[in-house]
C-alpha atoms as a PDB file:
ATOM      1  CA  MET A   1     -18.113 -31.676  13.128  1.00  0.00           C
ATOM      2  CA  ALA A   2     -16.179 -28.437  13.637  1.00  0.00           C
ATOM      3  CA  SER A   3     -17.088 -26.027  16.381  1.00  0.00           C
ATOM      4  CA  GLN A   4     -19.372 -23.154  15.376  1.00  0.00           C
ATOM      5  CA  PHE A   5     -17.368 -20.788  17.572  1.00  0.00           C
ATOM      6  CA  PRO A   6     -14.147 -18.914  16.820  1.00  0.00           C
ATOM      7  CA  SER A   7     -10.813 -20.266  17.917  1.00  0.00           C
ATOM      8  CA  LYS A   8      -9.694 -18.667  21.152  1.00  0.00           C
ATOM      9  CA  GLY A   9      -7.025 -16.032  20.659  1.00  0.00           C
ATOM     10  CA  LYS A  10      -7.520 -15.713  16.892  1.00  0.00           C
ATOM     11  CA  ALA A  11      -8.862 -12.553  15.311  1.00  0.00           C
ATOM     12  CA  PRO A  12     -12.138 -13.197  13.511  1.00  0.00           C
ATOM     13  CA  ILE A  13     -11.958 -13.079   9.718  1.00  0.00           C
ATOM     14  CA  ALA A  14     -13.659 -10.754   7.244  1.00  0.00           C
ATOM     15  CA  LEU A  15     -13.710 -12.595   3.927  1.00  0.00           C
ATOM     16  CA  ILE A  16     -14.035 -10.310   0.905  1.00  0.00           C
ATOM     17  CA  VAL A  17     -15.267 -11.975  -2.298  1.00  0.00           C
ATOM     18  CA  GLU A  18     -15.051  -9.550  -5.215  1.00  0.00           C
ATOM     19  CA  ASP A  19     -13.789 -10.068  -8.766  1.00  0.00           C
ATOM     20  CA  ASP A  20     -13.132  -6.363  -9.416  1.00  0.00           C
ATOM     21  CA  PRO A  21      -9.638  -5.741  -7.977  1.00  0.00           C
ATOM     22  CA  ASP A  22     -10.280  -2.025  -7.348  1.00  0.00           C
ATOM     23  CA  VAL A  23     -13.454  -2.683  -5.365  1.00  0.00           C
ATOM     24  CA  ARG A  24     -11.786  -5.586  -3.512  1.00  0.00           C
ATOM     25  CA  VAL A  25      -8.844  -3.371  -2.488  1.00  0.00           C
ATOM     26  CA  LEU A  26     -11.219  -0.614  -1.361  1.00  0.00           C
ATOM     27  CA  ALA A  27     -13.286  -3.029   0.740  1.00  0.00           C
ATOM     28  CA  ALA A  28     -10.111  -4.533   2.219  1.00  0.00           C
ATOM     29  CA  ALA A  29      -8.723  -1.118   3.148  1.00  0.00           C
ATOM     30  CA  LEU A  30     -11.995  -0.275   4.856  1.00  0.00           C
ATOM     31  CA  LEU A  31     -12.311  -3.560   6.756  1.00  0.00           C
ATOM     32  CA  GLU A  32      -8.654  -3.457   7.826  1.00  0.00           C
ATOM     33  CA  GLU A  33      -9.698  -0.534  10.041  1.00  0.00           C
ATOM     34  CA  THR A  34     -11.744  -2.973  12.135  1.00  0.00           C
ATOM     35  CA  ASP A  35     -10.577  -5.699  14.510  1.00  0.00           C
ATOM     36  CA  LEU A  36     -11.241  -8.322  11.831  1.00  0.00           C
ATOM     37  CA  ARG A  37      -8.452 -10.093   9.945  1.00  0.00           C
ATOM     38  CA  VAL A  38      -9.071  -9.484   6.227  1.00  0.00           C
ATOM     39  CA  VAL A  39      -8.789 -12.245   3.629  1.00  0.00           C
ATOM     40  CA  GLU A  40      -9.397 -11.389  -0.035  1.00  0.00           C
ATOM     41  CA  CYS A  41     -10.786 -13.731  -2.694  1.00  0.00           C
ATOM     42  CA  GLU A  42     -11.588 -13.012  -6.317  1.00  0.00           C
ATOM     43  CA  ASN A  43     -14.251 -15.721  -6.677  1.00  0.00           C
ATOM     44  CA  ALA A  44     -16.594 -17.961  -4.711  1.00  0.00           C
ATOM     45  CA  GLU A  45     -14.455 -21.065  -5.175  1.00  0.00           C
ATOM     46  CA  GLN A  46     -11.519 -19.379  -3.419  1.00  0.00           C
ATOM     47  CA  ALA A  47     -13.864 -18.235  -0.663  1.00  0.00           C
ATOM     48  CA  MET A  48     -15.184 -21.766  -0.130  1.00  0.00           C
ATOM     49  CA  ALA A  49     -11.596 -23.026   0.166  1.00  0.00           C
ATOM     50  CA  VAL A  50     -10.877 -20.435   2.884  1.00  0.00           C
ATOM     51  CA  LEU A  51     -14.101 -21.381   4.667  1.00  0.00           C
ATOM     52  CA  ALA A  52     -13.202 -25.072   4.493  1.00  0.00           C
ATOM     53  CA  ARG A  53      -9.922 -24.295   6.297  1.00  0.00           C
ATOM     54  CA  GLU A  54     -11.034 -21.539   8.670  1.00  0.00           C
ATOM     55  CA  GLY A  55     -14.834 -21.452   8.668  1.00  0.00           C
ATOM     56  CA  GLU A  56     -15.158 -21.355  12.441  1.00  0.00           C
ATOM     57  CA  ASP A  57     -13.106 -18.137  12.487  1.00  0.00           C
ATOM     58  CA  VAL A  58     -14.988 -16.326   9.709  1.00  0.00           C
ATOM     59  CA  ALA A  59     -17.202 -13.625  11.170  1.00  0.00           C
ATOM     60  CA  LEU A  60     -18.178 -11.811   7.970  1.00  0.00           C
ATOM     61  CA  VAL A  61     -18.376 -12.579   4.270  1.00  0.00           C
ATOM     62  CA  PHE A  62     -18.632  -9.453   2.129  1.00  0.00           C
ATOM     63  CA  SER A  63     -19.422 -10.553  -1.426  1.00  0.00           C
ATOM     64  CA  ASP A  64     -20.439  -9.189  -4.772  1.00  0.00           C
ATOM     65  CA  ILE A  65     -23.438 -10.925  -6.337  1.00  0.00           C
ATOM     66  CA  ARG A  66     -21.974 -11.096  -9.837  1.00  0.00           C
ATOM     67  CA  LEU A  67     -18.950 -13.351  -9.667  1.00  0.00           C
ATOM     68  CA  PRO A  68     -17.389 -15.660 -12.227  1.00  0.00           C
ATOM     69  CA  GLY A  69     -18.574 -19.233 -11.684  1.00  0.00           C
ATOM     70  CA  LEU A  70     -20.658 -19.565  -8.530  1.00  0.00           C
ATOM     71  CA  ASP A  71     -22.484 -16.276  -7.917  1.00  0.00           C
ATOM     72  CA  GLY A  72     -22.844 -14.429  -4.615  1.00  0.00           C
ATOM     73  CA  VAL A  73     -26.415 -15.601  -3.991  1.00  0.00           C
ATOM     74  CA  ASP A  74     -25.470 -19.271  -4.311  1.00  0.00           C
ATOM     75  CA  LEU A  75     -22.345 -18.626  -2.239  1.00  0.00           C
ATOM     76  CA  ALA A  76     -24.511 -17.136   0.529  1.00  0.00           C
ATOM     77  CA  ARG A  77     -26.808 -20.180   0.473  1.00  0.00           C
ATOM     78  CA  ARG A  78     -23.898 -22.614   0.718  1.00  0.00           C
ATOM     79  CA  ILE A  79     -22.269 -20.674   3.537  1.00  0.00           C
ATOM     80  CA  LYS A  80     -25.483 -20.520   5.582  1.00  0.00           C
ATOM     81  CA  ALA A  81     -26.001 -24.265   5.112  1.00  0.00           C
ATOM     82  CA  VAL A  82     -22.589 -25.172   6.547  1.00  0.00           C
ATOM     83  CA  TRP A  83     -21.538 -22.161   8.655  1.00  0.00           C
ATOM     84  CA  PRO A  84     -24.772 -20.598   9.944  1.00  0.00           C
ATOM     85  CA  HIS A  85     -22.872 -18.361  12.372  1.00  0.00           C
ATOM     86  CA  VAL A  86     -21.244 -16.364   9.541  1.00  0.00           C
ATOM     87  CA  SER A  87     -22.690 -12.909   8.864  1.00  0.00           C
ATOM     88  CA  ILE A  88     -23.058 -12.297   5.141  1.00  0.00           C
ATOM     89  CA  VAL A  89     -23.339  -9.051   3.213  1.00  0.00           C
ATOM     90  CA  VAL A  90     -23.886  -9.170  -0.543  1.00  0.00           C
ATOM     91  CA  THR A  91     -23.571  -6.188  -2.848  1.00  0.00           C
ATOM     92  CA  SER A  92     -24.461  -5.370  -6.429  1.00  0.00           C
ATOM     93  CA  GLY A  93     -24.195  -2.447  -8.765  1.00  0.00           C
ATOM     94  CA  TYR A  94     -26.869  -3.953 -11.011  1.00  0.00           C
ATOM     95  CA  ALA A  95     -29.842  -4.239  -8.672  1.00  0.00           C
ATOM     96  CA  ASP A  96     -31.340  -1.445  -6.578  1.00  0.00           C
ATOM     97  CA  ARG A  97     -33.360  -3.834  -4.475  1.00  0.00           C
ATOM     98  CA  ARG A  98     -32.585  -7.005  -2.605  1.00  0.00           C
ATOM     99  CA  PRO A  99     -32.783 -10.139  -4.793  1.00  0.00           C
ATOM    100  CA  ASP A 100     -35.705 -12.362  -3.748  1.00  0.00           C
ATOM    101  CA  THR A 101     -33.442 -15.413  -3.895  1.00  0.00           C
ATOM    102  CA  LEU A 102     -31.159 -14.314  -1.027  1.00  0.00           C
ATOM    103  CA  PRO A 103     -31.520 -16.168   2.279  1.00  0.00           C
ATOM    104  CA  ALA A 104     -33.572 -14.135   4.759  1.00  0.00           C
ATOM    105  CA  ASN A 105     -30.690 -13.499   7.171  1.00  0.00           C
ATOM    106  CA  VAL A 106     -28.293 -12.092   4.538  1.00  0.00           C
ATOM    107  CA  VAL A 107     -27.804  -8.314   4.338  1.00  0.00           C
ATOM    108  CA  TYR A 108     -27.995  -6.643   0.921  1.00  0.00           C
ATOM    109  CA  LEU A 109     -26.152  -3.377   0.164  1.00  0.00           C
ATOM    110  CA  PRO A 110     -26.515  -1.810  -3.295  1.00  0.00           C
ATOM    111  CA  LYS A 111     -23.385  -0.322  -4.858  1.00  0.00           C
ATOM    112  CA  PRO A 112     -22.064   2.176  -4.333  1.00  0.00           C
ATOM    113  CA  TRP A 113     -22.200   1.186  -0.679  1.00  0.00           C
ATOM    114  CA  LEU A 114     -21.396   3.611   2.090  1.00  0.00           C
ATOM    115  CA  ALA A 115     -18.309   2.977   4.218  1.00  0.00           C
ATOM    116  CA  LEU A 116     -20.370   3.466   7.386  1.00  0.00           C
ATOM    117  CA  ASP A 117     -22.817   0.734   6.341  1.00  0.00           C
ATOM    118  CA  VAL A 118     -19.964  -1.721   5.723  1.00  0.00           C
ATOM    119  CA  LEU A 119     -18.286  -0.827   9.026  1.00  0.00           C
ATOM    120  CA  MET A 120     -21.577  -1.277  10.912  1.00  0.00           C
ATOM    121  CA  GLN A 121     -21.982  -4.773   9.470  1.00  0.00           C
ATOM    122  CA  ALA A 122     -18.367  -5.620  10.357  1.00  0.00           C
ATOM    123  CA  ASP A 123     -18.898  -4.344  13.896  1.00  0.00           C
ATOM    124  CA  ARG A 124     -22.032  -6.474  14.339  1.00  0.00           C
ATOM    125  CA  ALA A 125     -20.288  -9.586  13.019  1.00  0.00           C
ATOM    126  CA  SER A 126     -17.245  -9.016  15.216  1.00  0.00           C
ATOM    127  CA  ALA A 127     -19.362  -8.401  18.330  1.00  0.00           C
ATOM    128  CA  TRP A 128     -21.312 -11.623  17.720  1.00  0.00           C
ATOM    129  CA  MET A 129     -18.077 -13.604  17.365  1.00  0.00           C
ATOM    130  CA  GLN A 130     -16.669 -12.097  20.572  1.00  0.00           C
ATOM    131  CA  ARG A 131     -19.832 -13.080  22.466  1.00  0.00           C
ATOM    132  CA  ALA A 132     -19.709 -16.578  21.010  1.00  0.00           C
ATOM    133  CA  GLN A 133     -16.078 -16.910  22.012  1.00  0.00           C
ATOM    134  CA  ARG A 134     -16.871 -15.894  25.606  1.00  0.00           C
ATOM    135  CA  ILE A 135     -19.721 -18.417  25.739  1.00  0.00           C
ATOM    136  CA  ALA A 136     -17.495 -21.185  24.388  1.00  0.00           C
ATOM    137  CA  SER A 137     -14.724 -20.565  26.952  1.00  0.00           C
END
């Protein structure tokens, strides 16, 4: 089984999962201002492939709920089952309130989200990964 801690010396990853290219680019530009390494995916299947390769280094998954194929809620469930250390934020422009089907420890941000809210979530995820890395070393 893989370690649940980030690889030493590697920047933690912010994984953006968004099918709308304009929103994905905006989220990437915002998260590139943090100390996280940004990886963009247009669907959940691509995100799961990145997690399979680099899951121990993923600090944050920032995902839309409405995605082609596997949706953001199911993606969040699968991630938490295999990589419980990953912080997850899901967003939607179609629901004002948090979907009841989201795992309890997943953050919900309605669209349009505020840059400060996204940056706060990235900061929390990054800080957790840095603490975990210190504990592991």
